Protein backbone atom coordinates (compact mmCIF):
# COMPACT_ATOMS: atom_id res chain seq x y z
CA UNK A 1 0.00 0.00 0.00
CA UNK A 2 1.31 3.39 -0.95
CA UNK A 3 1.96 6.04 1.66
CA UNK A 4 -0.33 8.30 -0.39
CA UNK A 5 -3.27 5.92 -0.01
CA UNK A 6 -5.72 7.24 2.56
CA UNK A 7 -6.29 4.98 5.55
CA UNK A 8 -9.14 2.57 5.10
CA UNK A 9 -12.27 3.43 7.04
CA UNK A 10 -14.57 0.84 8.51
CA UNK A 11 -18.27 1.61 8.69
CA UNK A 12 -21.32 0.19 10.42
CA UNK A 13 -23.22 -1.74 7.73
CA UNK A 14 -26.49 -0.96 9.50
CA UNK A 15 -25.85 2.73 8.83
CA UNK A 16 -25.51 1.96 5.12
CA UNK A 17 -28.75 -0.01 5.22
CA UNK A 18 -30.50 2.83 7.03
CA UNK A 19 -29.28 5.39 4.49
CA UNK A 20 -30.36 3.10 1.64
CA UNK A 21 -33.82 2.85 3.19
CA UNK A 22 -34.11 6.63 3.46
CA UNK A 23 -32.88 6.97 -0.12
CA UNK A 24 -35.39 4.40 -1.34
CA UNK A 25 -38.29 6.16 0.37
CA UNK A 26 -37.21 9.51 -1.10
CA UNK A 27 -36.80 8.06 -4.61
CA UNK A 28 -40.14 6.24 -4.47
CA UNK A 29 -41.77 9.49 -3.37
CA UNK A 30 -40.09 11.26 -6.31
CA UNK A 31 -41.38 8.59 -8.70
CA UNK A 32 -44.94 8.85 -7.39
CA UNK A 33 -44.98 12.66 -7.43
CA UNK A 34 -42.87 13.11 -10.57
CA UNK A 35 -40.38 15.30 -8.69
CA UNK A 36 -37.29 15.26 -10.90
CA UNK A 37 -35.50 17.77 -8.65
CA UNK A 38 -35.63 15.22 -5.82
CA UNK A 39 -33.88 12.69 -8.07
CA UNK A 40 -31.17 15.31 -8.66
CA UNK A 41 -30.71 15.81 -4.91
CA UNK A 42 -30.37 12.07 -4.25
CA UNK A 43 -27.90 11.81 -7.16
CA UNK A 44 -25.87 14.63 -5.61
CA UNK A 45 -25.92 12.98 -2.17
CA UNK A 46 -24.77 9.65 -3.63
CA UNK A 47 -22.08 11.35 -5.71
CA UNK A 48 -20.64 13.32 -2.80
CA UNK A 49 -20.53 10.23 -0.59
CA UNK A 50 -18.92 8.07 -3.25
CA UNK A 51 -16.31 10.73 -4.05
CA UNK A 52 -15.39 11.85 -0.55
CA UNK A 53 -16.34 8.96 1.72
CA UNK A 54 -19.36 7.49 3.40
CA UNK A 55 -19.01 9.89 6.33
CA UNK A 56 -20.54 12.42 3.88
CA UNK A 57 -23.56 10.17 3.14
CA UNK A 58 -26.10 12.70 4.37
CA UNK A 59 -29.00 10.26 4.25
CA UNK A 60 -27.16 7.94 6.64
CA UNK A 61 -26.08 10.67 9.08
CA UNK A 62 -28.98 10.12 11.52
CA UNK A 63 -27.94 6.49 12.06
CA UNK A 64 -25.43 7.02 14.92
CA UNK A 65 -28.03 8.98 16.91
CA UNK A 66 -30.67 6.32 16.23
CA UNK A 67 -28.24 3.56 17.22
CA UNK A 68 -27.47 5.39 20.48
CA UNK A 69 -31.15 6.12 21.16
CA UNK A 70 -32.07 2.46 20.66
CA UNK A 71 -28.94 1.38 22.60
CA UNK A 72 -27.91 -1.06 19.89
CA UNK A 73 -24.68 -2.96 20.36
CA UNK A 74 -21.76 -2.55 18.03
CA UNK A 75 -21.64 -4.78 14.98
CA UNK A 76 -18.85 -6.07 12.81
CA UNK A 77 -17.82 -3.11 10.67
CA UNK A 78 -17.29 -3.32 6.93
CA UNK A 79 -14.81 -1.62 4.67
CA UNK A 80 -16.17 1.53 3.09
CA UNK A 81 -14.86 1.05 -0.47
CA UNK A 82 -17.58 -1.38 -1.65
CA UNK A 83 -20.44 0.85 -0.42
CA UNK A 84 -18.75 3.86 -2.01
CA UNK A 85 -18.57 2.00 -5.32
CA UNK A 86 -22.24 1.07 -5.03
CA UNK A 87 -23.08 4.72 -4.35
CA UNK A 88 -21.05 5.78 -7.40
CA UNK A 89 -23.07 3.36 -9.52
CA UNK A 90 -26.31 4.75 -8.09
CA UNK A 91 -25.20 8.32 -8.76
CA UNK A 92 -24.26 7.34 -12.33
CA UNK A 93 -27.66 5.79 -13.01
CA UNK A 94 -29.48 8.76 -11.52
CA UNK A 95 -27.25 11.07 -13.59
CA UNK A 96 -28.24 9.11 -16.68
CA UNK A 97 -31.89 9.56 -15.68
CA UNK A 98 -31.38 13.31 -15.35
CA UNK A 99 -29.86 13.47 -18.83
CA UNK A 100 -32.86 11.57 -20.18
CA UNK A 101 -35.20 14.02 -18.42
CA UNK A 102 -33.38 16.97 -20.03
CA UNK A 103 -33.68 15.28 -23.43
CA UNK A 104 -37.44 15.01 -22.92
CA UNK A 105 -37.46 11.21 -22.63
CA UNK A 106 -39.40 11.29 -19.37
CA UNK A 107 -40.93 7.77 -19.40
CA UNK A 108 -37.53 6.27 -20.22
CA UNK A 109 -35.83 8.47 -17.60
CA UNK A 110 -37.81 6.94 -14.77
CA UNK A 111 -36.42 3.44 -15.48
CA UNK A 112 -32.94 4.02 -13.96
CA UNK A 113 -34.59 5.83 -11.04
CA UNK A 114 -36.81 2.79 -10.42
CA UNK A 115 -33.74 0.53 -10.67
CA UNK A 116 -31.80 2.54 -8.07
CA UNK A 117 -34.84 2.72 -5.78
CA UNK A 118 -35.27 -1.05 -6.11
CA UNK A 119 -31.63 -1.79 -5.31
CA UNK A 120 -31.72 0.62 -2.36
CA UNK A 121 -34.86 -1.13 -1.11
CA UNK A 122 -33.16 -4.52 -1.52
CA UNK A 123 -30.18 -3.34 0.53
CA UNK A 124 -32.36 -1.80 3.23
CA UNK A 125 -34.62 -4.84 3.53
CA UNK A 126 -32.13 -7.69 3.20
CA UNK A 127 -28.61 -6.31 3.56
CA UNK A 128 -27.72 -7.53 0.05
CA UNK A 129 -25.73 -4.90 -1.82
CA UNK A 130 -25.40 -5.67 -5.53
CA UNK A 131 -22.96 -2.80 -6.08
CA UNK A 132 -20.78 -4.09 -3.23
CA UNK A 133 -20.73 -7.54 -4.83
CA UNK A 134 -19.78 -6.01 -8.17
CA UNK A 135 -16.89 -4.14 -6.51
CA UNK A 136 -15.35 -7.48 -5.55
CA UNK A 137 -15.44 -8.77 -9.12
CA UNK A 138 -12.55 -6.35 -9.78
CA UNK A 139 -13.44 -5.81 -13.42
CA UNK A 140 -12.30 -2.64 -15.11
CA UNK A 141 -14.85 -0.19 -13.63
CA UNK A 142 -14.31 -1.12 -9.94
CA UNK A 143 -10.54 -1.06 -10.52
CA UNK A 144 -10.79 2.40 -12.07
CA UNK A 145 -12.98 3.57 -9.17
CA UNK A 146 -10.48 2.18 -6.65
CA UNK A 147 -7.65 4.12 -8.33
CA UNK A 148 -9.75 7.31 -8.35
CA UNK A 149 -10.41 7.19 -4.60
CA UNK A 150 -6.90 6.05 -3.73
CA UNK A 151 -7.75 2.49 -2.74
CA UNK A 152 -5.05 -0.17 -3.09
CA UNK A 153 -5.24 -2.05 -6.40
CA UNK A 154 -5.51 -5.43 -4.69
CA UNK A 155 -7.52 -4.80 -1.56
CA UNK A 156 -7.55 -7.18 1.31
CA UNK A 157 -11.13 -6.25 2.04
CA UNK A 158 -13.25 -8.91 3.64
CA UNK A 159 -16.74 -9.25 2.22
CA UNK A 160 -19.13 -8.00 4.87
CA UNK A 161 -22.66 -9.10 5.59
CA UNK A 162 -24.01 -6.22 3.48
CA UNK A 163 -22.26 -7.60 0.42
CA UNK A 164 -22.99 -11.29 0.92
CA UNK A 165 -25.58 -12.96 -1.18
C-alpha atoms as a PDB file:
ATOM      1  CA  UNK A   1       0.000   0.000   0.000  1.00  0.00           C
ATOM      2  CA  UNK A   2       1.312   3.387  -0.953  1.00  0.00           C
ATOM      3  CA  UNK A   3       1.961   6.042   1.661  1.00  0.00           C
ATOM      4  CA  UNK A   4      -0.334   8.301  -0.395  1.00  0.00           C
ATOM      5  CA  UNK A   5      -3.267   5.923  -0.013  1.00  0.00           C
ATOM      6  CA  UNK A   6      -5.725   7.240   2.562  1.00  0.00           C
ATOM      7  CA  UNK A   7      -6.289   4.982   5.548  1.00  0.00           C
ATOM      8  CA  UNK A   8      -9.138   2.567   5.101  1.00  0.00           C
ATOM      9  CA  UNK A   9     -12.265   3.430   7.044  1.00  0.00           C
ATOM     10  CA  UNK A  10     -14.570   0.840   8.512  1.00  0.00           C
ATOM     11  CA  UNK A  11     -18.273   1.608   8.694  1.00  0.00           C
ATOM     12  CA  UNK A  12     -21.323   0.192  10.425  1.00  0.00           C
ATOM     13  CA  UNK A  13     -23.220  -1.744   7.725  1.00  0.00           C
ATOM     14  CA  UNK A  14     -26.485  -0.958   9.500  1.00  0.00           C
ATOM     15  CA  UNK A  15     -25.854   2.728   8.826  1.00  0.00           C
ATOM     16  CA  UNK A  16     -25.511   1.963   5.116  1.00  0.00           C
ATOM     17  CA  UNK A  17     -28.752  -0.010   5.215  1.00  0.00           C
ATOM     18  CA  UNK A  18     -30.500   2.833   7.029  1.00  0.00           C
ATOM     19  CA  UNK A  19     -29.280   5.388   4.485  1.00  0.00           C
ATOM     20  CA  UNK A  20     -30.359   3.103   1.643  1.00  0.00           C
ATOM     21  CA  UNK A  21     -33.821   2.854   3.186  1.00  0.00           C
ATOM     22  CA  UNK A  22     -34.106   6.629   3.463  1.00  0.00           C
ATOM     23  CA  UNK A  23     -32.877   6.974  -0.118  1.00  0.00           C
ATOM     24  CA  UNK A  24     -35.393   4.396  -1.336  1.00  0.00           C
ATOM     25  CA  UNK A  25     -38.295   6.162   0.369  1.00  0.00           C
ATOM     26  CA  UNK A  26     -37.212   9.510  -1.104  1.00  0.00           C
ATOM     27  CA  UNK A  27     -36.804   8.060  -4.605  1.00  0.00           C
ATOM     28  CA  UNK A  28     -40.137   6.235  -4.468  1.00  0.00           C
ATOM     29  CA  UNK A  29     -41.774   9.487  -3.373  1.00  0.00           C
ATOM     30  CA  UNK A  30     -40.093  11.264  -6.305  1.00  0.00           C
ATOM     31  CA  UNK A  31     -41.375   8.593  -8.700  1.00  0.00           C
ATOM     32  CA  UNK A  32     -44.942   8.850  -7.388  1.00  0.00           C
ATOM     33  CA  UNK A  33     -44.980  12.663  -7.430  1.00  0.00           C
ATOM     34  CA  UNK A  34     -42.865  13.107 -10.573  1.00  0.00           C
ATOM     35  CA  UNK A  35     -40.378  15.299  -8.690  1.00  0.00           C
ATOM     36  CA  UNK A  36     -37.294  15.264 -10.903  1.00  0.00           C
ATOM     37  CA  UNK A  37     -35.503  17.772  -8.653  1.00  0.00           C
ATOM     38  CA  UNK A  38     -35.635  15.216  -5.820  1.00  0.00           C
ATOM     39  CA  UNK A  39     -33.882  12.686  -8.070  1.00  0.00           C
ATOM     40  CA  UNK A  40     -31.167  15.315  -8.656  1.00  0.00           C
ATOM     41  CA  UNK A  41     -30.705  15.815  -4.909  1.00  0.00           C
ATOM     42  CA  UNK A  42     -30.368  12.075  -4.248  1.00  0.00           C
ATOM     43  CA  UNK A  43     -27.901  11.809  -7.161  1.00  0.00           C
ATOM     44  CA  UNK A  44     -25.866  14.629  -5.609  1.00  0.00           C
ATOM     45  CA  UNK A  45     -25.924  12.981  -2.171  1.00  0.00           C
ATOM     46  CA  UNK A  46     -24.770   9.655  -3.635  1.00  0.00           C
ATOM     47  CA  UNK A  47     -22.085  11.351  -5.715  1.00  0.00           C
ATOM     48  CA  UNK A  48     -20.642  13.316  -2.801  1.00  0.00           C
ATOM     49  CA  UNK A  49     -20.527  10.231  -0.588  1.00  0.00           C
ATOM     50  CA  UNK A  50     -18.917   8.067  -3.254  1.00  0.00           C
ATOM     51  CA  UNK A  51     -16.312  10.726  -4.052  1.00  0.00           C
ATOM     52  CA  UNK A  52     -15.391  11.851  -0.554  1.00  0.00           C
ATOM     53  CA  UNK A  53     -16.338   8.958   1.723  1.00  0.00           C
ATOM     54  CA  UNK A  54     -19.363   7.495   3.401  1.00  0.00           C
ATOM     55  CA  UNK A  55     -19.014   9.892   6.326  1.00  0.00           C
ATOM     56  CA  UNK A  56     -20.544  12.416   3.878  1.00  0.00           C
ATOM     57  CA  UNK A  57     -23.563  10.174   3.138  1.00  0.00           C
ATOM     58  CA  UNK A  58     -26.097  12.704   4.369  1.00  0.00           C
ATOM     59  CA  UNK A  59     -28.999  10.264   4.248  1.00  0.00           C
ATOM     60  CA  UNK A  60     -27.164   7.943   6.637  1.00  0.00           C
ATOM     61  CA  UNK A  61     -26.078  10.674   9.079  1.00  0.00           C
ATOM     62  CA  UNK A  62     -28.980  10.119  11.515  1.00  0.00           C
ATOM     63  CA  UNK A  63     -27.938   6.487  12.061  1.00  0.00           C
ATOM     64  CA  UNK A  64     -25.429   7.023  14.922  1.00  0.00           C
ATOM     65  CA  UNK A  65     -28.032   8.979  16.911  1.00  0.00           C
ATOM     66  CA  UNK A  66     -30.675   6.319  16.229  1.00  0.00           C
ATOM     67  CA  UNK A  67     -28.237   3.559  17.220  1.00  0.00           C
ATOM     68  CA  UNK A  68     -27.473   5.387  20.477  1.00  0.00           C
ATOM     69  CA  UNK A  69     -31.153   6.121  21.164  1.00  0.00           C
ATOM     70  CA  UNK A  70     -32.071   2.464  20.664  1.00  0.00           C
ATOM     71  CA  UNK A  71     -28.944   1.381  22.596  1.00  0.00           C
ATOM     72  CA  UNK A  72     -27.909  -1.062  19.889  1.00  0.00           C
ATOM     73  CA  UNK A  73     -24.682  -2.955  20.363  1.00  0.00           C
ATOM     74  CA  UNK A  74     -21.763  -2.547  18.030  1.00  0.00           C
ATOM     75  CA  UNK A  75     -21.643  -4.778  14.981  1.00  0.00           C
ATOM     76  CA  UNK A  76     -18.852  -6.073  12.806  1.00  0.00           C
ATOM     77  CA  UNK A  77     -17.817  -3.109  10.672  1.00  0.00           C
ATOM     78  CA  UNK A  78     -17.294  -3.322   6.935  1.00  0.00           C
ATOM     79  CA  UNK A  79     -14.807  -1.624   4.669  1.00  0.00           C
ATOM     80  CA  UNK A  80     -16.170   1.534   3.090  1.00  0.00           C
ATOM     81  CA  UNK A  81     -14.863   1.049  -0.475  1.00  0.00           C
ATOM     82  CA  UNK A  82     -17.577  -1.384  -1.652  1.00  0.00           C
ATOM     83  CA  UNK A  83     -20.445   0.848  -0.418  1.00  0.00           C
ATOM     84  CA  UNK A  84     -18.753   3.860  -2.011  1.00  0.00           C
ATOM     85  CA  UNK A  85     -18.565   2.002  -5.317  1.00  0.00           C
ATOM     86  CA  UNK A  86     -22.245   1.071  -5.028  1.00  0.00           C
ATOM     87  CA  UNK A  87     -23.083   4.716  -4.352  1.00  0.00           C
ATOM     88  CA  UNK A  88     -21.045   5.782  -7.398  1.00  0.00           C
ATOM     89  CA  UNK A  89     -23.065   3.361  -9.518  1.00  0.00           C
ATOM     90  CA  UNK A  90     -26.308   4.749  -8.086  1.00  0.00           C
ATOM     91  CA  UNK A  91     -25.201   8.322  -8.762  1.00  0.00           C
ATOM     92  CA  UNK A  92     -24.256   7.341 -12.328  1.00  0.00           C
ATOM     93  CA  UNK A  93     -27.660   5.786 -13.009  1.00  0.00           C
ATOM     94  CA  UNK A  94     -29.481   8.760 -11.519  1.00  0.00           C
ATOM     95  CA  UNK A  95     -27.250  11.067 -13.586  1.00  0.00           C
ATOM     96  CA  UNK A  96     -28.244   9.110 -16.685  1.00  0.00           C
ATOM     97  CA  UNK A  97     -31.895   9.561 -15.681  1.00  0.00           C
ATOM     98  CA  UNK A  98     -31.380  13.313 -15.350  1.00  0.00           C
ATOM     99  CA  UNK A  99     -29.856  13.473 -18.832  1.00  0.00           C
ATOM    100  CA  UNK A 100     -32.860  11.569 -20.185  1.00  0.00           C
ATOM    101  CA  UNK A 101     -35.196  14.016 -18.420  1.00  0.00           C
ATOM    102  CA  UNK A 102     -33.380  16.966 -20.029  1.00  0.00           C
ATOM    103  CA  UNK A 103     -33.683  15.280 -23.431  1.00  0.00           C
ATOM    104  CA  UNK A 104     -37.440  15.006 -22.919  1.00  0.00           C
ATOM    105  CA  UNK A 105     -37.457  11.209 -22.634  1.00  0.00           C
ATOM    106  CA  UNK A 106     -39.402  11.295 -19.375  1.00  0.00           C
ATOM    107  CA  UNK A 107     -40.929   7.775 -19.402  1.00  0.00           C
ATOM    108  CA  UNK A 108     -37.533   6.269 -20.215  1.00  0.00           C
ATOM    109  CA  UNK A 109     -35.825   8.471 -17.602  1.00  0.00           C
ATOM    110  CA  UNK A 110     -37.812   6.937 -14.768  1.00  0.00           C
ATOM    111  CA  UNK A 111     -36.418   3.440 -15.482  1.00  0.00           C
ATOM    112  CA  UNK A 112     -32.944   4.022 -13.959  1.00  0.00           C
ATOM    113  CA  UNK A 113     -34.590   5.832 -11.040  1.00  0.00           C
ATOM    114  CA  UNK A 114     -36.809   2.793 -10.422  1.00  0.00           C
ATOM    115  CA  UNK A 115     -33.739   0.529 -10.675  1.00  0.00           C
ATOM    116  CA  UNK A 116     -31.803   2.543  -8.075  1.00  0.00           C
ATOM    117  CA  UNK A 117     -34.837   2.721  -5.783  1.00  0.00           C
ATOM    118  CA  UNK A 118     -35.270  -1.046  -6.115  1.00  0.00           C
ATOM    119  CA  UNK A 119     -31.634  -1.785  -5.307  1.00  0.00           C
ATOM    120  CA  UNK A 120     -31.719   0.623  -2.355  1.00  0.00           C
ATOM    121  CA  UNK A 121     -34.861  -1.132  -1.114  1.00  0.00           C
ATOM    122  CA  UNK A 122     -33.163  -4.523  -1.517  1.00  0.00           C
ATOM    123  CA  UNK A 123     -30.182  -3.336   0.535  1.00  0.00           C
ATOM    124  CA  UNK A 124     -32.361  -1.798   3.228  1.00  0.00           C
ATOM    125  CA  UNK A 125     -34.623  -4.843   3.531  1.00  0.00           C
ATOM    126  CA  UNK A 126     -32.133  -7.694   3.200  1.00  0.00           C
ATOM    127  CA  UNK A 127     -28.615  -6.314   3.557  1.00  0.00           C
ATOM    128  CA  UNK A 128     -27.717  -7.528   0.054  1.00  0.00           C
ATOM    129  CA  UNK A 129     -25.725  -4.899  -1.824  1.00  0.00           C
ATOM    130  CA  UNK A 130     -25.403  -5.667  -5.535  1.00  0.00           C
ATOM    131  CA  UNK A 131     -22.958  -2.801  -6.083  1.00  0.00           C
ATOM    132  CA  UNK A 132     -20.776  -4.093  -3.234  1.00  0.00           C
ATOM    133  CA  UNK A 133     -20.732  -7.538  -4.828  1.00  0.00           C
ATOM    134  CA  UNK A 134     -19.780  -6.011  -8.170  1.00  0.00           C
ATOM    135  CA  UNK A 135     -16.891  -4.145  -6.512  1.00  0.00           C
ATOM    136  CA  UNK A 136     -15.349  -7.478  -5.547  1.00  0.00           C
ATOM    137  CA  UNK A 137     -15.436  -8.769  -9.115  1.00  0.00           C
ATOM    138  CA  UNK A 138     -12.555  -6.346  -9.784  1.00  0.00           C
ATOM    139  CA  UNK A 139     -13.436  -5.814 -13.416  1.00  0.00           C
ATOM    140  CA  UNK A 140     -12.303  -2.639 -15.111  1.00  0.00           C
ATOM    141  CA  UNK A 141     -14.849  -0.188 -13.626  1.00  0.00           C
ATOM    142  CA  UNK A 142     -14.309  -1.123  -9.938  1.00  0.00           C
ATOM    143  CA  UNK A 143     -10.540  -1.056 -10.517  1.00  0.00           C
ATOM    144  CA  UNK A 144     -10.793   2.401 -12.071  1.00  0.00           C
ATOM    145  CA  UNK A 145     -12.975   3.573  -9.170  1.00  0.00           C
ATOM    146  CA  UNK A 146     -10.477   2.176  -6.652  1.00  0.00           C
ATOM    147  CA  UNK A 147      -7.654   4.121  -8.328  1.00  0.00           C
ATOM    148  CA  UNK A 148      -9.750   7.307  -8.355  1.00  0.00           C
ATOM    149  CA  UNK A 149     -10.415   7.186  -4.605  1.00  0.00           C
ATOM    150  CA  UNK A 150      -6.900   6.046  -3.729  1.00  0.00           C
ATOM    151  CA  UNK A 151      -7.746   2.494  -2.735  1.00  0.00           C
ATOM    152  CA  UNK A 152      -5.051  -0.169  -3.092  1.00  0.00           C
ATOM    153  CA  UNK A 153      -5.244  -2.055  -6.398  1.00  0.00           C
ATOM    154  CA  UNK A 154      -5.511  -5.435  -4.695  1.00  0.00           C
ATOM    155  CA  UNK A 155      -7.517  -4.804  -1.562  1.00  0.00           C
ATOM    156  CA  UNK A 156      -7.551  -7.184   1.310  1.00  0.00           C
ATOM    157  CA  UNK A 157     -11.131  -6.249   2.036  1.00  0.00           C
ATOM    158  CA  UNK A 158     -13.250  -8.909   3.644  1.00  0.00           C
ATOM    159  CA  UNK A 159     -16.740  -9.250   2.224  1.00  0.00           C
ATOM    160  CA  UNK A 160     -19.133  -8.004   4.870  1.00  0.00           C
ATOM    161  CA  UNK A 161     -22.660  -9.101   5.593  1.00  0.00           C
ATOM    162  CA  UNK A 162     -24.005  -6.225   3.482  1.00  0.00           C
ATOM    163  CA  UNK A 163     -22.258  -7.601   0.423  1.00  0.00           C
ATOM    164  CA  UNK A 164     -22.989 -11.288   0.918  1.00  0.00           C
ATOM    165  CA  UNK A 165     -25.579 -12.962  -1.183  1.00  0.00           C
END
